[in-house]
Every structure is written in structure tokens, then in C-alpha cells.
């Protein structure tokens, strides 16, 4: 699952980078919880929760069977 998650994150990176942000893959556990670290303009942005849930989590859930949640870690 790890490689599939990393590949899927590459799909959302250009959208984040266009606005000065980025996302770093941290880990994925057996329950399908993916840990990422929002970077750049995304770190601390008022819309970060929406970006995390709607864009990143939505894409990962669509692309990678077994992903249940995406969380941001500092």
C-alpha cells in the first residue's frame, strides 16, 4: 500500500505546489491511516483542513483501496 499511496500523492502535488505548498508522505499503518506533513504555504493555511480532507484524502481513497483516513503530522 505504501508505494500506491506515494504514487497517488504525486497526482495532488502539482495542485499544492501551484499555490506555494507541498505534501510529504510520512507513513501508513495497518488500519489504512496515512500520515502526511503539509509544507510551505499549506502548513498553517486556513484552508489546510479542507485541502487535507477533500483533495488529499479524497484522492487517496479513490486511488488506493484500504485507505481510511489522512492525517497531518507536525
Protein backbone atom coordinates (compact mmCIF):
# COMPACT_ATOMS: atom_id res chain seq x y z
CA UNK A 1 0.00 0.00 0.00
CA UNK A 2 2.91 2.34 0.74
CA UNK A 3 4.02 2.60 -2.89
CA UNK A 4 0.45 3.15 -4.09
CA UNK A 5 -0.02 5.99 -1.59
CA UNK A 6 3.21 7.68 -2.68
CA UNK A 7 2.21 7.37 -6.34
CA UNK A 8 -1.23 8.86 -5.62
CA UNK A 9 0.28 11.77 -3.67
CA UNK A 10 2.29 12.65 -6.77
CA UNK A 11 -1.02 13.38 -8.51
CA UNK A 12 -2.01 16.09 -5.99
CA UNK A 13 1.43 17.67 -5.64
CA UNK A 14 1.15 19.99 -8.67
CA UNK A 15 -2.08 21.50 -7.31
CA UNK A 16 -0.44 22.21 -3.95
CA UNK A 17 2.81 23.46 -5.48
CA UNK A 18 0.93 25.86 -7.73
CA UNK A 19 -0.14 27.71 -4.56
CA UNK A 20 3.25 27.51 -2.86
CA UNK A 21 2.59 24.39 -0.79
CA UNK A 22 3.52 20.73 -0.84
CA UNK A 23 2.86 17.44 0.90
CA UNK A 24 5.35 14.94 2.32
CA UNK A 25 4.46 11.28 2.88
CA UNK A 26 5.27 10.18 6.44
CA UNK A 27 3.71 6.73 6.97
CA UNK A 28 0.71 4.46 6.53
CA UNK A 29 -0.45 1.96 9.15
CA UNK A 30 -2.35 -1.34 9.01
CA UNK A 31 -5.67 0.44 9.60
CA UNK A 32 -5.21 2.47 6.41
CA UNK A 33 -4.44 5.75 8.17
CA UNK A 34 -2.00 7.78 6.08
CA UNK A 35 0.19 10.34 7.84
CA UNK A 36 1.42 13.28 5.77
CA UNK A 37 3.12 16.57 6.53
CA UNK A 38 1.78 19.68 4.82
CA UNK A 39 4.58 22.03 3.82
CA UNK A 40 5.13 25.54 2.55
CA UNK A 41 2.02 27.66 2.17
CA UNK A 42 -0.15 24.66 3.14
CA UNK A 43 1.37 24.49 6.61
CA UNK A 44 -0.87 26.64 8.79
CA UNK A 45 -3.11 27.79 5.95
CA UNK A 46 -6.73 28.43 6.99
CA UNK A 47 -7.85 26.07 4.21
CA UNK A 48 -5.42 23.30 5.16
CA UNK A 49 -8.10 21.07 6.69
CA UNK A 50 -10.21 21.32 3.55
CA UNK A 51 -7.16 20.58 1.39
CA UNK A 52 -6.23 17.62 3.55
CA UNK A 53 -9.70 16.06 3.62
CA UNK A 54 -11.19 16.97 0.25
CA UNK A 55 -8.17 16.90 -2.04
CA UNK A 56 -5.58 14.62 -0.47
CA UNK A 57 -7.80 12.17 1.41
CA UNK A 58 -10.37 12.09 -1.39
CA UNK A 59 -7.73 11.29 -3.99
CA UNK A 60 -6.04 8.64 -1.87
CA UNK A 61 -9.32 6.91 -1.02
CA UNK A 62 -10.22 6.84 -4.71
CA UNK A 63 -6.81 5.56 -5.86
CA UNK A 64 -5.73 3.22 -3.06
CA UNK A 65 -8.05 0.54 -1.68
CA UNK A 66 -7.77 0.34 2.10
CA UNK A 67 -7.04 4.00 2.82
CA UNK A 68 -9.43 5.06 5.58
CA UNK A 69 -8.13 8.45 6.68
CA UNK A 70 -5.38 11.00 6.08
CA UNK A 71 -3.89 12.97 8.97
CA UNK A 72 -1.42 15.84 9.09
CA UNK A 73 1.51 15.42 11.47
CA UNK A 74 3.81 18.21 12.53
